[in-house]
Amino acid sequence: MSPTEILMLGIALSMDAFAVSVACAMARGRGDFLVALKLGIAFGGFQAAMPAAGFYLSSFAYEYISGVDHWIAFGLLAFIGGKMIAESLSSKSEENSDFANLGICTIAVLAVATSIDALAVGISLACIKVNVLFPAAVIGVITFLLSFLGALFGAKIGAKIGKRAELAGGLILVAIGTRILFAC
């Protein structure tokens, strides 16, 4: 993967964490530096750890899937991207009650929930034989920055931006998956 593709991957994966951070700030009615820092660290940390976990878990099974690895990478990225696109287009609003009361348990659950797709991306990276350390670090840093800014300025950004960000992230993941499929 090129540095540009890794950067795009980091941006795409961070969109759901960004949208949740914006929703948290909107539910609280204001930006709060410490809350933004907590969300940024939690979301960025999980987004960095999950691709590495997926990468190393899949390396044990690689010999069994090496013939179809590009299809697996495409399928996972297309599925995740499609899910993000569908969620961005759905008309149901997010439940804001948990977003207003951000205890450590709520933050941890949100961090895990927004980083599950990064686990699948780690599996995809193993399938195309990309060293996971640099992409994981880039994904983590980008997610930290966007989550921090989303939580800090979310009340001003508004809900519509969050939905469009999630749509853009989904489209980027589908595009990267398609490129992997046709490159093999």
C-alpha atoms as a PDB file:
ATOM      1  CA  MET A   1       0.000   0.000   0.000  1.00  0.00           C
ATOM      2  CA  SER A   2       1.189   3.463  -0.819  1.00  0.00           C
ATOM      3  CA  PRO A   3       1.426   6.182   1.857  1.00  0.00           C
ATOM      4  CA  THR A   4      -1.536   7.912   0.213  1.00  0.00           C
ATOM      5  CA  GLU A   5      -3.654   4.755   0.475  1.00  0.00           C
ATOM      6  CA  ILE A   6      -2.638   4.319   4.118  1.00  0.00           C
ATOM      7  CA  LEU A   7      -3.601   7.938   4.809  1.00  0.00           C
ATOM      8  CA  MET A   8      -6.965   7.434   3.081  1.00  0.00           C
ATOM      9  CA  LEU A   9      -7.482   4.216   5.038  1.00  0.00           C
ATOM     10  CA  GLY A  10      -6.803   6.072   8.288  1.00  0.00           C
ATOM     11  CA  ILE A  11      -9.267   8.801   7.374  1.00  0.00           C
ATOM     12  CA  ALA A  12     -11.916   6.284   6.327  1.00  0.00           C
ATOM     13  CA  LEU A  13     -11.600   4.242   9.512  1.00  0.00           C
ATOM     14  CA  SER A  14     -11.726   7.330  11.700  1.00  0.00           C
ATOM     15  CA  MET A  15     -15.031   8.587  10.309  1.00  0.00           C
ATOM     16  CA  ASP A  16     -17.260   6.551  12.617  1.00  0.00           C
ATOM     17  CA  ALA A  17     -15.206   7.617  15.657  1.00  0.00           C
ATOM     18  CA  PHE A  18     -15.418  11.214  14.422  1.00  0.00           C
ATOM     19  CA  ALA A  19     -19.196  10.947  14.041  1.00  0.00           C
ATOM     20  CA  VAL A  20     -19.546   9.509  17.561  1.00  0.00           C
ATOM     21  CA  SER A  21     -17.307  12.261  18.966  1.00  0.00           C
ATOM     22  CA  VAL A  22     -19.450  14.916  17.300  1.00  0.00           C
ATOM     23  CA  ALA A  23     -22.582  13.237  18.688  1.00  0.00           C
ATOM     24  CA  CYS A  24     -21.051  13.223  22.186  1.00  0.00           C
ATOM     25  CA  ALA A  25     -20.337  16.948  22.025  1.00  0.00           C
ATOM     26  CA  MET A  26     -23.805  17.660  20.630  1.00  0.00           C
ATOM     27  CA  ALA A  27     -25.428  15.641  23.427  1.00  0.00           C
ATOM     28  CA  ARG A  28     -23.383  17.502  26.029  1.00  0.00           C
ATOM     29  CA  GLY A  29     -24.197  20.819  24.344  1.00  0.00           C
ATOM     30  CA  ARG A  30     -20.596  21.968  24.441  1.00  0.00           C
ATOM     31  CA  GLY A  31     -17.037  20.983  23.725  1.00  0.00           C
ATOM     32  CA  ASP A  32     -14.900  19.992  26.709  1.00  0.00           C
ATOM     33  CA  PHE A  33     -11.103  19.708  26.389  1.00  0.00           C
ATOM     34  CA  LEU A  34     -10.707  16.841  28.877  1.00  0.00           C
ATOM     35  CA  VAL A  35     -13.594  14.842  27.419  1.00  0.00           C
ATOM     36  CA  ALA A  36     -12.221  15.454  23.923  1.00  0.00           C
ATOM     37  CA  LEU A  37      -8.785  14.264  25.059  1.00  0.00           C
ATOM     38  CA  LYS A  38     -10.252  11.119  26.653  1.00  0.00           C
ATOM     39  CA  LEU A  39     -12.257  10.300  23.530  1.00  0.00           C
ATOM     40  CA  GLY A  40      -9.290  10.971  21.259  1.00  0.00           C
ATOM     41  CA  ILE A  41      -6.981   8.738  23.282  1.00  0.00           C
ATOM     42  CA  ALA A  42      -9.532   5.932  23.622  1.00  0.00           C
ATOM     43  CA  PHE A  43     -10.677   5.991  20.001  1.00  0.00           C
ATOM     44  CA  GLY A  44      -7.172   6.468  18.589  1.00  0.00           C
ATOM     45  CA  GLY A  45      -5.717   3.768  20.827  1.00  0.00           C
ATOM     46  CA  PHE A  46      -8.322   1.179  19.925  1.00  0.00           C
ATOM     47  CA  GLN A  47      -8.195   2.087  16.234  1.00  0.00           C
ATOM     48  CA  ALA A  48      -4.411   1.523  16.296  1.00  0.00           C
ATOM     49  CA  ALA A  49      -4.573  -1.710  18.303  1.00  0.00           C
ATOM     50  CA  MET A  50      -7.342  -3.422  16.351  1.00  0.00           C
ATOM     51  CA  PRO A  51      -5.594  -3.622  12.942  1.00  0.00           C
ATOM     52  CA  ALA A  52      -2.542  -5.072  14.681  1.00  0.00           C
ATOM     53  CA  ALA A  53      -4.724  -7.646  16.461  1.00  0.00           C
ATOM     54  CA  GLY A  54      -6.469  -8.595  13.207  1.00  0.00           C
ATOM     55  CA  PHE A  55      -3.143  -8.794  11.389  1.00  0.00           C
ATOM     56  CA  TYR A  56      -1.531 -11.103  13.930  1.00  0.00           C
ATOM     57  CA  LEU A  57      -4.618 -13.273  14.377  1.00  0.00           C
ATOM     58  CA  SER A  58      -4.922 -13.797  10.629  1.00  0.00           C
ATOM     59  CA  SER A  59      -1.239 -14.615  10.187  1.00  0.00           C
ATOM     60  CA  PHE A  60      -1.900 -17.933  11.935  1.00  0.00           C
ATOM     61  CA  ALA A  61      -4.499 -18.855   9.324  1.00  0.00           C
ATOM     62  CA  TYR A  62      -2.801 -17.350   6.264  1.00  0.00           C
ATOM     63  CA  GLU A  63      -1.609 -20.628   4.748  1.00  0.00           C
ATOM     64  CA  TYR A  64      -5.234 -21.747   4.534  1.00  0.00           C
ATOM     65  CA  ILE A  65      -6.515 -18.602   2.842  1.00  0.00           C
ATOM     66  CA  SER A  66      -3.597 -17.525   0.648  1.00  0.00           C
ATOM     67  CA  GLY A  67      -5.389 -18.496  -2.580  1.00  0.00           C
ATOM     68  CA  VAL A  68      -8.349 -16.234  -1.911  1.00  0.00           C
ATOM     69  CA  ASP A  69      -6.709 -13.547   0.216  1.00  0.00           C
ATOM     70  CA  HIS A  70      -7.475 -10.684  -2.175  1.00  0.00           C
ATOM     71  CA  TRP A  71     -11.145 -11.704  -2.262  1.00  0.00           C
ATOM     72  CA  ILE A  72     -11.214 -11.763   1.544  1.00  0.00           C
ATOM     73  CA  ALA A  73      -9.628  -8.302   1.715  1.00  0.00           C
ATOM     74  CA  PHE A  74     -12.115  -6.976  -0.836  1.00  0.00           C
ATOM     75  CA  GLY A  75     -15.083  -8.631   0.882  1.00  0.00           C
ATOM     76  CA  LEU A  76     -14.200  -7.303   4.314  1.00  0.00           C
ATOM     77  CA  LEU A  77     -13.517  -3.759   3.136  1.00  0.00           C
ATOM     78  CA  ALA A  78     -16.607  -3.711   0.905  1.00  0.00           C
ATOM     79  CA  PHE A  79     -18.778  -5.047   3.735  1.00  0.00           C
ATOM     80  CA  ILE A  80     -17.479  -2.526   6.263  1.00  0.00           C
ATOM     81  CA  GLY A  81     -17.671   0.318   3.754  1.00  0.00           C
ATOM     82  CA  GLY A  82     -21.172  -0.714   2.698  1.00  0.00           C
ATOM     83  CA  LYS A  83     -22.278  -0.823   6.325  1.00  0.00           C
ATOM     84  CA  MET A  84     -20.870   2.662   6.920  1.00  0.00           C
ATOM     85  CA  ILE A  85     -22.625   3.938   3.780  1.00  0.00           C
ATOM     86  CA  ALA A  86     -25.935   2.378   4.829  1.00  0.00           C
ATOM     87  CA  GLU A  87     -25.671   3.820   8.347  1.00  0.00           C
ATOM     88  CA  SER A  88     -24.874   7.257   6.964  1.00  0.00           C
ATOM     89  CA  LEU A  89     -27.965   7.135   4.755  1.00  0.00           C
ATOM     90  CA  SER A  90     -30.340   5.816   7.428  1.00  0.00           C
ATOM     91  CA  SER A  91     -32.813   8.284   8.835  1.00  0.00           C
ATOM     92  CA  LYS A  92     -32.755   6.992  12.400  1.00  0.00           C
ATOM     93  CA  SER A  93     -31.011   9.273  14.822  1.00  0.00           C
ATOM     94  CA  GLU A  94     -28.385   8.141  17.275  1.00  0.00           C
ATOM     95  CA  GLU A  95     -29.337   7.618  20.890  1.00  0.00           C
ATOM     96  CA  ASN A  96     -27.742  10.526  22.699  1.00  0.00           C
ATOM     97  CA  SER A  97     -28.421   9.617  26.349  1.00  0.00           C
ATOM     98  CA  ASP A  98     -25.211   7.578  26.688  1.00  0.00           C
ATOM     99  CA  PHE A  99     -23.280  10.272  24.860  1.00  0.00           C
ATOM    100  CA  ALA A 100     -24.138  12.913  27.441  1.00  0.00           C
ATOM    101  CA  ASN A 101     -22.816  10.845  30.379  1.00  0.00           C
ATOM    102  CA  LEU A 102     -19.343   9.787  29.334  1.00  0.00           C
ATOM    103  CA  GLY A 103     -17.959   7.529  32.041  1.00  0.00           C
ATOM    104  CA  ILE A 104     -14.978   5.257  31.444  1.00  0.00           C
ATOM    105  CA  CYS A 105     -17.241   2.277  30.653  1.00  0.00           C
ATOM    106  CA  THR A 106     -19.231   4.243  28.075  1.00  0.00           C
ATOM    107  CA  ILE A 107     -16.039   5.533  26.458  1.00  0.00           C
ATOM    108  CA  ALA A 108     -14.561   2.012  26.350  1.00  0.00           C
ATOM    109  CA  VAL A 109     -17.706   0.562  24.760  1.00  0.00           C
ATOM    110  CA  LEU A 110     -17.793   3.365  22.179  1.00  0.00           C
ATOM    111  CA  ALA A 111     -14.081   2.881  21.428  1.00  0.00           C
ATOM    112  CA  VAL A 112     -14.503  -0.855  20.861  1.00  0.00           C
ATOM    113  CA  ALA A 113     -17.674  -0.369  18.812  1.00  0.00           C
ATOM    114  CA  THR A 114     -16.047   2.176  16.512  1.00  0.00           C
ATOM    115  CA  SER A 115     -12.895   0.098  16.021  1.00  0.00           C
ATOM    116  CA  ILE A 116     -14.324  -3.314  15.093  1.00  0.00           C
ATOM    117  CA  ASP A 117     -13.949  -2.413  11.424  1.00  0.00           C
ATOM    118  CA  ALA A 118     -10.235  -1.790  12.036  1.00  0.00           C
ATOM    119  CA  LEU A 119      -9.875  -5.416  13.169  1.00  0.00           C
ATOM    120  CA  ALA A 120     -11.176  -6.556   9.785  1.00  0.00           C
ATOM    121  CA  VAL A 121      -8.822  -4.123   8.053  1.00  0.00           C
ATOM    122  CA  GLY A 122      -5.923  -5.729   9.927  1.00  0.00           C
ATOM    123  CA  ILE A 123      -6.966  -9.083   8.489  1.00  0.00           C
ATOM    124  CA  SER A 124      -7.073  -7.471   5.043  1.00  0.00           C
ATOM    125  CA  LEU A 125      -3.573  -6.051   5.503  1.00  0.00           C
ATOM    126  CA  ALA A 126      -2.268  -9.510   6.367  1.00  0.00           C
ATOM    127  CA  CYS A 127      -3.899 -10.919   3.246  1.00  0.00           C
ATOM    128  CA  ILE A 128      -2.066  -8.452   1.012  1.00  0.00           C
ATOM    129  CA  LYS A 129       1.177  -8.810   3.002  1.00  0.00           C
ATOM    130  CA  VAL A 130       1.440  -5.225   4.255  1.00  0.00           C
ATOM    131  CA  ASN A 131       3.434  -4.656   7.451  1.00  0.00           C
ATOM    132  CA  VAL A 132       0.803  -3.534   9.940  1.00  0.00           C
ATOM    133  CA  LEU A 133       2.854  -1.270  12.225  1.00  0.00           C
ATOM    134  CA  PHE A 134       2.966   1.871  10.086  1.00  0.00           C
ATOM    135  CA  PRO A 135      -0.691   1.702   8.945  1.00  0.00           C
ATOM    136  CA  ALA A 136      -1.827   1.015  12.543  1.00  0.00           C
ATOM    137  CA  ALA A 137       0.109   4.037  13.808  1.00  0.00           C
ATOM    138  CA  VAL A 138      -1.287   6.263  11.050  1.00  0.00           C
ATOM    139  CA  ILE A 139      -4.831   5.024  11.710  1.00  0.00           C
ATOM    140  CA  GLY A 140      -4.420   5.688  15.439  1.00  0.00           C
ATOM    141  CA  VAL A 141      -3.011   9.197  15.019  1.00  0.00           C
ATOM    142  CA  ILE A 142      -5.639  10.254  12.486  1.00  0.00           C
ATOM    143  CA  THR A 143      -8.436   8.824  14.633  1.00  0.00           C
ATOM    144  CA  PHE A 144      -7.065  10.595  17.702  1.00  0.00           C
ATOM    145  CA  LEU A 145      -6.930  13.936  15.901  1.00  0.00           C
ATOM    146  CA  LEU A 146     -10.359  13.702  14.286  1.00  0.00           C
ATOM    147  CA  SER A 147     -12.047  12.336  17.429  1.00  0.00           C
ATOM    148  CA  PHE A 148     -10.449  15.019  19.573  1.00  0.00           C
ATOM    149  CA  LEU A 149     -11.525  17.779  17.193  1.00  0.00           C
ATOM    150  CA  GLY A 150     -14.990  16.264  16.763  1.00  0.00           C
ATOM    151  CA  ALA A 151     -15.531  16.137  20.526  1.00  0.00           C
ATOM    152  CA  LEU A 152     -14.090  19.605  21.044  1.00  0.00           C
ATOM    153  CA  PHE A 153     -16.075  21.335  18.303  1.00  0.00           C
ATOM    154  CA  GLY A 154     -18.943  18.861  17.779  1.00  0.00           C
ATOM    155  CA  ALA A 155     -21.633  21.081  19.198  1.00  0.00           C
ATOM    156  CA  LYS A 156     -20.741  23.624  16.507  1.00  0.00           C
ATOM    157  CA  ILE A 157     -20.182  21.116  13.690  1.00  0.00           C
ATOM    158  CA  GLY A 158     -23.673  19.615  13.793  1.00  0.00           C
ATOM    159  CA  ALA A 159     -25.151  16.198  13.068  1.00  0.00           C
ATOM    160  CA  LYS A 160     -25.266  16.493   9.265  1.00  0.00           C
ATOM    161  CA  ILE A 161     -21.477  16.677   8.919  1.00  0.00           C
ATOM    162  CA  GLY A 162     -21.123  13.474  10.932  1.00  0.00           C
ATOM    163  CA  LYS A 163     -23.378  11.564   8.548  1.00  0.00           C
ATOM    164  CA  ARG A 164     -21.515  12.861   5.492  1.00  0.00           C
ATOM    165  CA  ALA A 165     -18.176  11.966   7.082  1.00  0.00           C
ATOM    166  CA  GLU A 166     -19.354   8.410   7.659  1.00  0.00           C
ATOM    167  CA  LEU A 167     -20.564   8.210   4.034  1.00  0.00           C
ATOM    168  CA  ALA A 168     -17.171   9.407   2.754  1.00  0.00           C
ATOM    169  CA  GLY A 169     -15.380   6.878   4.954  1.00  0.00           C
ATOM    170  CA  GLY A 170     -17.510   4.041   3.620  1.00  0.00           C
ATOM    171  CA  LEU A 171     -16.910   5.041   0.012  1.00  0.00           C
ATOM    172  CA  ILE A 172     -13.138   5.189   0.613  1.00  0.00           C
ATOM    173  CA  LEU A 173     -13.101   1.684   2.127  1.00  0.00           C
ATOM    174  CA  VAL A 174     -15.060   0.241  -0.808  1.00  0.00           C
ATOM    175  CA  ALA A 175     -12.678   1.958  -3.261  1.00  0.00           C
ATOM    176  CA  ILE A 176      -9.579   0.570  -1.527  1.00  0.00           C
ATOM    177  CA  GLY A 177     -11.115  -2.927  -1.452  1.00  0.00           C
ATOM    178  CA  THR A 178     -11.911  -2.708  -5.162  1.00  0.00           C
ATOM    179  CA  ARG A 179      -8.366  -1.605  -5.967  1.00  0.00           C
ATOM    180  CA  ILE A 180      -6.963  -4.567  -4.012  1.00  0.00           C
ATOM    181  CA  LEU A 181      -9.238  -6.947  -5.908  1.00  0.00           C
ATOM    182  CA  PHE A 182      -8.178  -5.678  -9.320  1.00  0.00           C
ATOM    183  CA  ALA A 183      -4.492  -5.361  -8.413  1.00  0.00           C
ATOM    184  CA  CYS A 184      -4.211  -9.123  -7.750  1.00  0.00           C
END
